[in-house]
Amino acid sequence: VGGLFAYKLYRTLSAAQKALPKMERA
């Protein structure tokens, strides 16, 4: 469960970093 949580957290942070420039422009 801890491993799955860490994986999900990594994916969420990765998606947030990719979306940040678009959010700043918006």
mmCIF file of all heavy atoms, coordinates in Angstrom:
data_MODEL
# 
_entry.id   MODEL 
# 
loop_
_atom_site.group_PDB 
_atom_site.id 
_atom_site.type_symbol 
_atom_site.label_atom_id 
_atom_site.label_alt_id 
_atom_site.label_comp_id 
_atom_site.label_asym_id 
_atom_site.label_entity_id 
_atom_site.label_seq_id 
_atom_site.pdbx_PDB_ins_code 
_atom_site.Cartn_x 
_atom_site.Cartn_y 
_atom_site.Cartn_z 
_atom_site.occupancy 
_atom_site.B_iso_or_equiv 
_atom_site.pdbx_formal_charge 
_atom_site.auth_seq_id 
_atom_site.auth_comp_id 
_atom_site.auth_asym_id 
_atom_site.auth_atom_id 
_atom_site.pdbx_PDB_model_num 
ATOM 1   N N   . VAL A 1 1  ? 0.834  -1.200 0.000   1.00 0.00 ? 1  VAL A N   1 
ATOM 2   C CA  . VAL A 1 1  ? 0.000  0.000  0.000   1.00 0.00 ? 1  VAL A CA  1 
ATOM 3   C C   . VAL A 1 1  ? 0.869  1.251  0.000   1.00 0.00 ? 1  VAL A C   1 
ATOM 4   O O   . VAL A 1 1  ? 0.586  2.225  -0.698  1.00 0.00 ? 1  VAL A O   1 
ATOM 5   C CB  . VAL A 1 1  ? -0.976 -0.016 1.194   1.00 0.00 ? 1  VAL A CB  1 
ATOM 6   C CG1 . VAL A 1 1  ? -1.676 1.319  1.366   1.00 0.00 ? 1  VAL A CG1 1 
ATOM 7   C CG2 . VAL A 1 1  ? -2.000 -1.124 1.018   1.00 0.00 ? 1  VAL A CG2 1 
ATOM 8   N N   . GLY A 1 2  ? 1.946  1.234  0.758   1.00 0.00 ? 2  GLY A N   1 
ATOM 9   C CA  . GLY A 1 2  ? 2.873  2.367  0.770   1.00 0.00 ? 2  GLY A CA  1 
ATOM 10  C C   . GLY A 1 2  ? 3.518  2.587  -0.588  1.00 0.00 ? 2  GLY A C   1 
ATOM 11  O O   . GLY A 1 2  ? 3.670  3.726  -1.036  1.00 0.00 ? 2  GLY A O   1 
ATOM 12  N N   . GLY A 1 3  ? 3.875  1.507  -1.250  1.00 0.00 ? 3  GLY A N   1 
ATOM 13  C CA  . GLY A 1 3  ? 4.448  1.623  -2.585  1.00 0.00 ? 3  GLY A CA  1 
ATOM 14  C C   . GLY A 1 3  ? 3.456  2.188  -3.589  1.00 0.00 ? 3  GLY A C   1 
ATOM 15  O O   . GLY A 1 3  ? 3.812  3.035  -4.415  1.00 0.00 ? 3  GLY A O   1 
ATOM 16  N N   . LEU A 1 4  ? 2.222  1.737  -3.517  1.00 0.00 ? 4  LEU A N   1 
ATOM 17  C CA  . LEU A 1 4  ? 1.191  2.271  -4.411  1.00 0.00 ? 4  LEU A CA  1 
ATOM 18  C C   . LEU A 1 4  ? 0.945  3.748  -4.137  1.00 0.00 ? 4  LEU A C   1 
ATOM 19  O O   . LEU A 1 4  ? 0.757  4.543  -5.066  1.00 0.00 ? 4  LEU A O   1 
ATOM 20  C CB  . LEU A 1 4  ? -0.109 1.485  -4.245  1.00 0.00 ? 4  LEU A CB  1 
ATOM 21  C CG  . LEU A 1 4  ? -0.108 0.079  -4.818  1.00 0.00 ? 4  LEU A CG  1 
ATOM 22  C CD1 . LEU A 1 4  ? -1.404 -0.647 -4.455  1.00 0.00 ? 4  LEU A CD1 1 
ATOM 23  C CD2 . LEU A 1 4  ? 0.073  0.098  -6.317  1.00 0.00 ? 4  LEU A CD2 1 
ATOM 24  N N   . PHE A 1 5  ? 0.946  4.123  -2.870  1.00 0.00 ? 5  PHE A N   1 
ATOM 25  C CA  . PHE A 1 5  ? 0.759  5.529  -2.513  1.00 0.00 ? 5  PHE A CA  1 
ATOM 26  C C   . PHE A 1 5  ? 1.904  6.380  -3.060  1.00 0.00 ? 5  PHE A C   1 
ATOM 27  O O   . PHE A 1 5  ? 1.676  7.455  -3.618  1.00 0.00 ? 5  PHE A O   1 
ATOM 28  C CB  . PHE A 1 5  ? 0.676  5.687  -0.999  1.00 0.00 ? 5  PHE A CB  1 
ATOM 29  C CG  . PHE A 1 5  ? 0.600  7.111  -0.554  1.00 0.00 ? 5  PHE A CG  1 
ATOM 30  C CD1 . PHE A 1 5  ? -0.563 7.846  -0.727  1.00 0.00 ? 5  PHE A CD1 1 
ATOM 31  C CD2 . PHE A 1 5  ? 1.694  7.721  0.030   1.00 0.00 ? 5  PHE A CD2 1 
ATOM 32  C CE1 . PHE A 1 5  ? -0.633 9.163  -0.326  1.00 0.00 ? 5  PHE A CE1 1 
ATOM 33  C CE2 . PHE A 1 5  ? 1.635  9.034  0.437   1.00 0.00 ? 5  PHE A CE2 1 
ATOM 34  C CZ  . PHE A 1 5  ? 0.465  9.762  0.268   1.00 0.00 ? 5  PHE A CZ  1 
ATOM 35  N N   . ALA A 1 6  ? 3.128  5.908  -2.922  1.00 0.00 ? 6  ALA A N   1 
ATOM 36  C CA  . ALA A 1 6  ? 4.282  6.652  -3.430  1.00 0.00 ? 6  ALA A CA  1 
ATOM 37  C C   . ALA A 1 6  ? 4.211  6.785  -4.951  1.00 0.00 ? 6  ALA A C   1 
ATOM 38  O O   . ALA A 1 6  ? 4.500  7.853  -5.502  1.00 0.00 ? 6  ALA A O   1 
ATOM 39  C CB  . ALA A 1 6  ? 5.574  5.955  -3.014  1.00 0.00 ? 6  ALA A CB  1 
ATOM 40  N N   . TYR A 1 7  ? 3.805  5.731  -5.643  1.00 0.00 ? 7  TYR A N   1 
ATOM 41  C CA  . TYR A 1 7  ? 3.668  5.770  -7.098  1.00 0.00 ? 7  TYR A CA  1 
ATOM 42  C C   . TYR A 1 7  ? 2.598  6.774  -7.516  1.00 0.00 ? 7  TYR A C   1 
ATOM 43  O O   . TYR A 1 7  ? 2.796  7.568  -8.428  1.00 0.00 ? 7  TYR A O   1 
ATOM 44  C CB  . TYR A 1 7  ? 3.325  4.368  -7.615  1.00 0.00 ? 7  TYR A CB  1 
ATOM 45  C CG  . TYR A 1 7  ? 3.044  4.319  -9.095  1.00 0.00 ? 7  TYR A CG  1 
ATOM 46  C CD1 . TYR A 1 7  ? 4.069  4.451  -10.016 1.00 0.00 ? 7  TYR A CD1 1 
ATOM 47  C CD2 . TYR A 1 7  ? 1.749  4.142  -9.569  1.00 0.00 ? 7  TYR A CD2 1 
ATOM 48  C CE1 . TYR A 1 7  ? 3.815  4.417  -11.383 1.00 0.00 ? 7  TYR A CE1 1 
ATOM 49  C CE2 . TYR A 1 7  ? 1.484  4.105  -10.925 1.00 0.00 ? 7  TYR A CE2 1 
ATOM 50  C CZ  . TYR A 1 7  ? 2.514  4.241  -11.826 1.00 0.00 ? 7  TYR A CZ  1 
ATOM 51  O OH  . TYR A 1 7  ? 2.247  4.206  -13.168 1.00 0.00 ? 7  TYR A OH  1 
ATOM 52  N N   . LYS A 1 8  ? 1.463  6.746  -6.831  1.00 0.00 ? 8  LYS A N   1 
ATOM 53  C CA  . LYS A 1 8  ? 0.370  7.669  -7.153  1.00 0.00 ? 8  LYS A CA  1 
ATOM 54  C C   . LYS A 1 8  ? 0.799  9.114  -6.881  1.00 0.00 ? 8  LYS A C   1 
ATOM 55  O O   . LYS A 1 8  ? 0.491  10.026 -7.657  1.00 0.00 ? 8  LYS A O   1 
ATOM 56  C CB  . LYS A 1 8  ? -0.859 7.306  -6.317  1.00 0.00 ? 8  LYS A CB  1 
ATOM 57  C CG  . LYS A 1 8  ? -2.081 8.070  -6.656  1.00 0.00 ? 8  LYS A CG  1 
ATOM 58  C CD  . LYS A 1 8  ? -2.622 7.647  -7.995  1.00 0.00 ? 8  LYS A CD  1 
ATOM 59  C CE  . LYS A 1 8  ? -3.974 8.276  -8.227  1.00 0.00 ? 8  LYS A CE  1 
ATOM 60  N NZ  . LYS A 1 8  ? -4.511 7.977  -9.523  1.00 0.00 ? 8  LYS A NZ  1 
ATOM 61  N N   . LEU A 1 9  ? 1.506  9.335  -5.802  1.00 0.00 ? 9  LEU A N   1 
ATOM 62  C CA  . LEU A 1 9  ? 2.001  10.673 -5.471  1.00 0.00 ? 9  LEU A CA  1 
ATOM 63  C C   . LEU A 1 9  ? 2.978  11.162 -6.537  1.00 0.00 ? 9  LEU A C   1 
ATOM 64  O O   . LEU A 1 9  ? 2.920  12.315 -6.973  1.00 0.00 ? 9  LEU A O   1 
ATOM 65  C CB  . LEU A 1 9  ? 2.668  10.666 -4.103  1.00 0.00 ? 9  LEU A CB  1 
ATOM 66  C CG  . LEU A 1 9  ? 3.204  11.991 -3.588  1.00 0.00 ? 9  LEU A CG  1 
ATOM 67  C CD1 . LEU A 1 9  ? 2.048  12.979 -3.393  1.00 0.00 ? 9  LEU A CD1 1 
ATOM 68  C CD2 . LEU A 1 9  ? 3.940  11.791 -2.278  1.00 0.00 ? 9  LEU A CD2 1 
ATOM 69  N N   . TYR A 1 10 ? 3.870  10.292 -6.989  1.00 0.00 ? 10 TYR A N   1 
ATOM 70  C CA  . TYR A 1 10 ? 4.834  10.645 -8.034  1.00 0.00 ? 10 TYR A CA  1 
ATOM 71  C C   . TYR A 1 10 ? 4.107  11.036 -9.322  1.00 0.00 ? 10 TYR A C   1 
ATOM 72  O O   . TYR A 1 10 ? 4.442  12.033 -9.954  1.00 0.00 ? 10 TYR A O   1 
ATOM 73  C CB  . TYR A 1 10 ? 5.778  9.469  -8.291  1.00 0.00 ? 10 TYR A CB  1 
ATOM 74  C CG  . TYR A 1 10 ? 6.669  9.667  -9.486  1.00 0.00 ? 10 TYR A CG  1 
ATOM 75  C CD1 . TYR A 1 10 ? 7.767  10.517 -9.422  1.00 0.00 ? 10 TYR A CD1 1 
ATOM 76  C CD2 . TYR A 1 10 ? 6.395  9.037  -10.691 1.00 0.00 ? 10 TYR A CD2 1 
ATOM 77  C CE1 . TYR A 1 10 ? 8.581  10.721 -10.533 1.00 0.00 ? 10 TYR A CE1 1 
ATOM 78  C CE2 . TYR A 1 10 ? 7.191  9.226  -11.799 1.00 0.00 ? 10 TYR A CE2 1 
ATOM 79  C CZ  . TYR A 1 10 ? 8.282  10.068 -11.716 1.00 0.00 ? 10 TYR A CZ  1 
ATOM 80  O OH  . TYR A 1 10 ? 9.071  10.265 -12.814 1.00 0.00 ? 10 TYR A OH  1 
ATOM 81  N N   . ARG A 1 11 ? 3.097  10.253 -9.705  1.00 0.00 ? 11 ARG A N   1 
ATOM 82  C CA  . ARG A 1 11 ? 2.347  10.566 -10.930 1.00 0.00 ? 11 ARG A CA  1 
ATOM 83  C C   . ARG A 1 11 ? 1.596  11.881 -10.805 1.00 0.00 ? 11 ARG A C   1 
ATOM 84  O O   . ARG A 1 11 ? 1.533  12.663 -11.745 1.00 0.00 ? 11 ARG A O   1 
ATOM 85  C CB  . ARG A 1 11 ? 1.374  9.438  -11.248 1.00 0.00 ? 11 ARG A CB  1 
ATOM 86  C CG  . ARG A 1 11 ? 2.098  8.218  -11.758 1.00 0.00 ? 11 ARG A CG  1 
ATOM 87  C CD  . ARG A 1 11 ? 1.168  7.243  -12.370 1.00 0.00 ? 11 ARG A CD  1 
ATOM 88  N NE  . ARG A 1 11 ? 0.286  7.927  -13.325 1.00 0.00 ? 11 ARG A NE  1 
ATOM 89  C CZ  . ARG A 1 11 ? -0.519 7.311  -14.143 1.00 0.00 ? 11 ARG A CZ  1 
ATOM 90  N NH1 . ARG A 1 11 ? -0.553 6.008  -14.152 1.00 0.00 ? 11 ARG A NH1 1 
ATOM 91  N NH2 . ARG A 1 11 ? -1.297 7.973  -14.969 1.00 0.00 ? 11 ARG A NH2 1 
ATOM 92  N N   . THR A 1 12 ? 1.033  12.148 -9.630  1.00 0.00 ? 12 THR A N   1 
ATOM 93  C CA  . THR A 1 12 ? 0.294  13.393 -9.423  1.00 0.00 ? 12 THR A CA  1 
ATOM 94  C C   . THR A 1 12 ? 1.225  14.590 -9.489  1.00 0.00 ? 12 THR A C   1 
ATOM 95  O O   . THR A 1 12 ? 0.910  15.604 -10.117 1.00 0.00 ? 12 THR A O   1 
ATOM 96  C CB  . THR A 1 12 ? -0.420 13.361 -8.056  1.00 0.00 ? 12 THR A CB  1 
ATOM 97  O OG1 . THR A 1 12 ? -1.286 12.219 -8.026  1.00 0.00 ? 12 THR A OG1 1 
ATOM 98  C CG2 . THR A 1 12 ? -1.227 14.608 -7.818  1.00 0.00 ? 12 THR A CG2 1 
ATOM 99  N N   . LEU A 1 13 ? 2.378  14.489 -8.856  1.00 0.00 ? 13 LEU A N   1 
ATOM 100 C CA  . LEU A 1 13 ? 3.343  15.588 -8.898  1.00 0.00 ? 13 LEU A CA  1 
ATOM 101 C C   . LEU A 1 13 ? 3.873  15.808 -10.307 1.00 0.00 ? 13 LEU A C   1 
ATOM 102 O O   . LEU A 1 13 ? 4.069  16.952 -10.731 1.00 0.00 ? 13 LEU A O   1 
ATOM 103 C CB  . LEU A 1 13 ? 4.497  15.315 -7.935  1.00 0.00 ? 13 LEU A CB  1 
ATOM 104 C CG  . LEU A 1 13 ? 4.161  15.420 -6.452  1.00 0.00 ? 13 LEU A CG  1 
ATOM 105 C CD1 . LEU A 1 13 ? 5.355  15.002 -5.612  1.00 0.00 ? 13 LEU A CD1 1 
ATOM 106 C CD2 . LEU A 1 13 ? 3.716  16.818 -6.094  1.00 0.00 ? 13 LEU A CD2 1 
ATOM 107 N N   . SER A 1 14 ? 4.076  14.740 -11.033 1.00 0.00 ? 14 SER A N   1 
ATOM 108 C CA  . SER A 1 14 ? 4.540  14.862 -12.412 1.00 0.00 ? 14 SER A CA  1 
ATOM 109 C C   . SER A 1 14 ? 3.505  15.576 -13.271 1.00 0.00 ? 14 SER A C   1 
ATOM 110 O O   . SER A 1 14 ? 3.850  16.472 -14.055 1.00 0.00 ? 14 SER A O   1 
ATOM 111 C CB  . SER A 1 14 ? 4.831  13.470 -12.972 1.00 0.00 ? 14 SER A CB  1 
ATOM 112 O OG  . SER A 1 14 ? 5.210  13.551 -14.321 1.00 0.00 ? 14 SER A OG  1 
ATOM 113 N N   . ALA A 1 15 ? 2.254  15.203 -13.114 1.00 0.00 ? 15 ALA A N   1 
ATOM 114 C CA  . ALA A 1 15 ? 1.190  15.859 -13.884 1.00 0.00 ? 15 ALA A CA  1 
ATOM 115 C C   . ALA A 1 15 ? 1.060  17.328 -13.498 1.00 0.00 ? 15 ALA A C   1 
ATOM 116 O O   . ALA A 1 15 ? 0.835  18.188 -14.352 1.00 0.00 ? 15 ALA A O   1 
ATOM 117 C CB  . ALA A 1 15 ? -0.137 15.132 -13.658 1.00 0.00 ? 15 ALA A CB  1 
ATOM 118 N N   . ALA A 1 16 ? 1.213  17.624 -12.226 1.00 0.00 ? 16 ALA A N   1 
ATOM 119 C CA  . ALA A 1 16 ? 1.108  19.017 -11.774 1.00 0.00 ? 16 ALA A CA  1 
ATOM 120 C C   . ALA A 1 16 ? 2.259  19.854 -12.339 1.00 0.00 ? 16 ALA A C   1 
ATOM 121 O O   . ALA A 1 16 ? 2.054  21.013 -12.732 1.00 0.00 ? 16 ALA A O   1 
ATOM 122 C CB  . ALA A 1 16 ? 1.116  19.069 -10.254 1.00 0.00 ? 16 ALA A CB  1 
ATOM 123 N N   . GLN A 1 17 ? 3.443  19.294 -12.388 1.00 0.00 ? 17 GLN A N   1 
ATOM 124 C CA  . GLN A 1 17 ? 4.578  20.033 -12.942 1.00 0.00 ? 17 GLN A CA  1 
ATOM 125 C C   . GLN A 1 17 ? 4.398  20.274 -14.438 1.00 0.00 ? 17 GLN A C   1 
ATOM 126 O O   . GLN A 1 17 ? 4.785  21.321 -14.954 1.00 0.00 ? 17 GLN A O   1 
ATOM 127 C CB  . GLN A 1 17 ? 5.877  19.284 -12.683 1.00 0.00 ? 17 GLN A CB  1 
ATOM 128 C CG  . GLN A 1 17 ? 6.332  19.369 -11.246 1.00 0.00 ? 17 GLN A CG  1 
ATOM 129 C CD  . GLN A 1 17 ? 7.598  18.574 -11.000 1.00 0.00 ? 17 GLN A CD  1 
ATOM 130 O OE1 . GLN A 1 17 ? 7.992  17.740 -11.809 1.00 0.00 ? 17 GLN A OE1 1 
ATOM 131 N NE2 . GLN A 1 17 ? 8.239  18.831 -9.876  1.00 0.00 ? 17 GLN A NE2 1 
ATOM 132 N N   . LYS A 1 18 ? 3.814  19.318 -15.143 1.00 0.00 ? 18 LYS A N   1 
ATOM 133 C CA  . LYS A 1 18 ? 3.578  19.498 -16.572 1.00 0.00 ? 18 LYS A CA  1 
ATOM 134 C C   . LYS A 1 18 ? 2.503  20.551 -16.821 1.00 0.00 ? 18 LYS A C   1 
ATOM 135 O O   . LYS A 1 18 ? 2.547  21.269 -17.821 1.00 0.00 ? 18 LYS A O   1 
ATOM 136 C CB  . LYS A 1 18 ? 3.161  18.181 -17.213 1.00 0.00 ? 18 LYS A CB  1 
ATOM 137 C CG  . LYS A 1 18 ? 4.297  17.187 -17.322 1.00 0.00 ? 18 LYS A CG  1 
ATOM 138 C CD  . LYS A 1 18 ? 3.816  15.877 -17.908 1.00 0.00 ? 18 LYS A CD  1 
ATOM 139 C CE  . LYS A 1 18 ? 4.936  14.848 -17.927 1.00 0.00 ? 18 LYS A CE  1 
ATOM 140 N NZ  . LYS A 1 18 ? 4.463  13.539 -18.399 1.00 0.00 ? 18 LYS A NZ  1 
ATOM 141 N N   . ALA A 1 19 ? 1.521  20.643 -15.937 1.00 0.00 ? 19 ALA A N   1 
ATOM 142 C CA  . ALA A 1 19 ? 0.400  21.578 -16.130 1.00 0.00 ? 19 ALA A CA  1 
ATOM 143 C C   . ALA A 1 19 ? 0.712  22.983 -15.617 1.00 0.00 ? 19 ALA A C   1 
ATOM 144 O O   . ALA A 1 19 ? -0.025 23.922 -15.935 1.00 0.00 ? 19 ALA A O   1 
ATOM 145 C CB  . ALA A 1 19 ? -0.831 21.048 -15.418 1.00 0.00 ? 19 ALA A CB  1 
ATOM 146 N N   . LEU A 1 20 ? 1.759  23.145 -14.846 1.00 0.00 ? 20 LEU A N   1 
ATOM 147 C CA  . LEU A 1 20 ? 2.058  24.443 -14.234 1.00 0.00 ? 20 LEU A CA  1 
ATOM 148 C C   . LEU A 1 20 ? 2.224  25.572 -15.246 1.00 0.00 ? 20 LEU A C   1 
ATOM 149 O O   . LEU A 1 20 ? 1.635  26.643 -15.057 1.00 0.00 ? 20 LEU A O   1 
ATOM 150 C CB  . LEU A 1 20 ? 3.294  24.331 -13.333 1.00 0.00 ? 20 LEU A CB  1 
ATOM 151 C CG  . LEU A 1 20 ? 3.658  25.563 -12.535 1.00 0.00 ? 20 LEU A CG  1 
ATOM 152 C CD1 . LEU A 1 20 ? 2.525  25.937 -11.582 1.00 0.00 ? 20 LEU A CD1 1 
ATOM 153 C CD2 . LEU A 1 20 ? 4.945  25.339 -11.766 1.00 0.00 ? 20 LEU A CD2 1 
ATOM 154 N N   . PRO A 1 21 ? 2.994  25.432 -16.326 1.00 0.00 ? 21 PRO A N   1 
ATOM 155 C CA  . PRO A 1 21 ? 3.122  26.535 -17.280 1.00 0.00 ? 21 PRO A CA  1 
ATOM 156 C C   . PRO A 1 21 ? 1.780  26.962 -17.882 1.00 0.00 ? 21 PRO A C   1 
ATOM 157 O O   . PRO A 1 21 ? 1.514  28.158 -18.044 1.00 0.00 ? 21 PRO A O   1 
ATOM 158 C CB  . PRO A 1 21 ? 4.054  25.992 -18.362 1.00 0.00 ? 21 PRO A CB  1 
ATOM 159 C CG  . PRO A 1 21 ? 4.804  24.894 -17.726 1.00 0.00 ? 21 PRO A CG  1 
ATOM 160 C CD  . PRO A 1 21 ? 3.877  24.318 -16.698 1.00 0.00 ? 21 PRO A CD  1 
ATOM 161 N N   . LYS A 1 22 ? 0.916  25.993 -18.187 1.00 0.00 ? 22 LYS A N   1 
ATOM 162 C CA  . LYS A 1 22 ? -0.399 26.327 -18.736 1.00 0.00 ? 22 LYS A CA  1 
ATOM 163 C C   . LYS A 1 22 ? -1.240 27.069 -17.706 1.00 0.00 ? 22 LYS A C   1 
ATOM 164 O O   . LYS A 1 22 ? -1.961 28.006 -18.051 1.00 0.00 ? 22 LYS A O   1 
ATOM 165 C CB  . LYS A 1 22 ? -1.119 25.065 -19.182 1.00 0.00 ? 22 LYS A CB  1 
ATOM 166 C CG  . LYS A 1 22 ? -0.492 24.409 -20.388 1.00 0.00 ? 22 LYS A CG  1 
ATOM 167 C CD  . LYS A 1 22 ? -1.241 23.156 -20.776 1.00 0.00 ? 22 LYS A CD  1 
ATOM 168 C CE  . LYS A 1 22 ? -0.557 22.469 -21.944 1.00 0.00 ? 22 LYS A CE  1 
ATOM 169 N NZ  . LYS A 1 22 ? -1.222 21.225 -22.307 1.00 0.00 ? 22 LYS A NZ  1 
ATOM 170 N N   . MET A 1 23 ? -1.155 26.641 -16.462 1.00 0.00 ? 23 MET A N   1 
ATOM 171 C CA  . MET A 1 23 ? -1.930 27.298 -15.402 1.00 0.00 ? 23 MET A CA  1 
ATOM 172 C C   . MET A 1 23 ? -1.444 28.728 -15.182 1.00 0.00 ? 23 MET A C   1 
ATOM 173 O O   . MET A 1 23 ? -2.248 29.644 -14.971 1.00 0.00 ? 23 MET A O   1 
ATOM 174 C CB  . MET A 1 23 ? -1.835 26.489 -14.105 1.00 0.00 ? 23 MET A CB  1 
ATOM 175 C CG  . MET A 1 23 ? -2.460 25.118 -14.183 1.00 0.00 ? 23 MET A CG  1 
ATOM 176 S SD  . MET A 1 23 ? -4.232 25.174 -14.434 1.00 0.00 ? 23 MET A SD  1 
ATOM 177 C CE  . MET A 1 23 ? -4.750 25.729 -12.834 1.00 0.00 ? 23 MET A CE  1 
ATOM 178 N N   . GLU A 1 24 ? -0.128 28.932 -15.222 1.00 0.00 ? 24 GLU A N   1 
ATOM 179 C CA  . GLU A 1 24 ? 0.409  30.284 -15.060 1.00 0.00 ? 24 GLU A CA  1 
ATOM 180 C C   . GLU A 1 24 ? -0.045 31.187 -16.211 1.00 0.00 ? 24 GLU A C   1 
ATOM 181 O O   . GLU A 1 24 ? -0.438 32.335 -15.995 1.00 0.00 ? 24 GLU A O   1 
ATOM 182 C CB  . GLU A 1 24 ? 1.934  30.245 -14.988 1.00 0.00 ? 24 GLU A CB  1 
ATOM 183 C CG  . GLU A 1 24 ? 2.462  29.679 -13.693 1.00 0.00 ? 24 GLU A CG  1 
ATOM 184 C CD  . GLU A 1 24 ? 3.972  29.531 -13.690 1.00 0.00 ? 24 GLU A CD  1 
ATOM 185 O OE1 . GLU A 1 24 ? 4.587  29.520 -14.784 1.00 0.00 ? 24 GLU A OE1 1 
ATOM 186 O OE2 . GLU A 1 24 ? 4.534  29.419 -12.593 1.00 0.00 ? 24 GLU A OE2 1 
ATOM 187 N N   . ARG A 1 25 ? -0.013 30.664 -17.435 1.00 0.00 ? 25 ARG A N   1 
ATOM 188 C CA  . ARG A 1 25 ? -0.455 31.440 -18.599 1.00 0.00 ? 25 ARG A CA  1 
ATOM 189 C C   . ARG A 1 25 ? -1.955 31.761 -18.494 1.00 0.00 ? 25 ARG A C   1 
ATOM 190 O O   . ARG A 1 25 ? -2.377 32.887 -18.784 1.00 0.00 ? 25 ARG A O   1 
ATOM 191 C CB  . ARG A 1 25 ? -0.160 30.660 -19.884 1.00 0.00 ? 25 ARG A CB  1 
ATOM 192 C CG  . ARG A 1 25 ? -0.575 31.373 -21.137 1.00 0.00 ? 25 ARG A CG  1 
ATOM 193 C CD  . ARG A 1 25 ? 0.256  32.618 -21.387 1.00 0.00 ? 25 ARG A CD  1 
ATOM 194 N NE  . ARG A 1 25 ? -0.235 33.277 -22.581 1.00 0.00 ? 25 ARG A NE  1 
ATOM 195 C CZ  . ARG A 1 25 ? -0.342 34.577 -22.729 1.00 0.00 ? 25 ARG A CZ  1 
ATOM 196 N NH1 . ARG A 1 25 ? 0.051  35.376 -21.770 1.00 0.00 ? 25 ARG A NH1 1 
ATOM 197 N NH2 . ARG A 1 25 ? -0.812 35.089 -23.838 1.00 0.00 ? 25 ARG A NH2 1 
ATOM 198 N N   . ALA A 1 26 ? -2.750 30.809 -18.064 1.00 0.00 ? 26 ALA A N   1 
ATOM 199 C CA  . ALA A 1 26 ? -4.184 31.036 -17.897 1.00 0.00 ? 26 ALA A CA  1 
ATOM 200 C C   . ALA A 1 26 ? -4.443 32.086 -16.827 1.00 0.00 ? 26 ALA A C   1 
ATOM 201 O O   . ALA A 1 26 ? -5.331 32.936 -16.983 1.00 0.00 ? 26 ALA A O   1 
ATOM 202 C CB  . ALA A 1 26 ? -4.884 29.731 -17.544 1.00 0.00 ? 26 ALA A CB  1 
# 
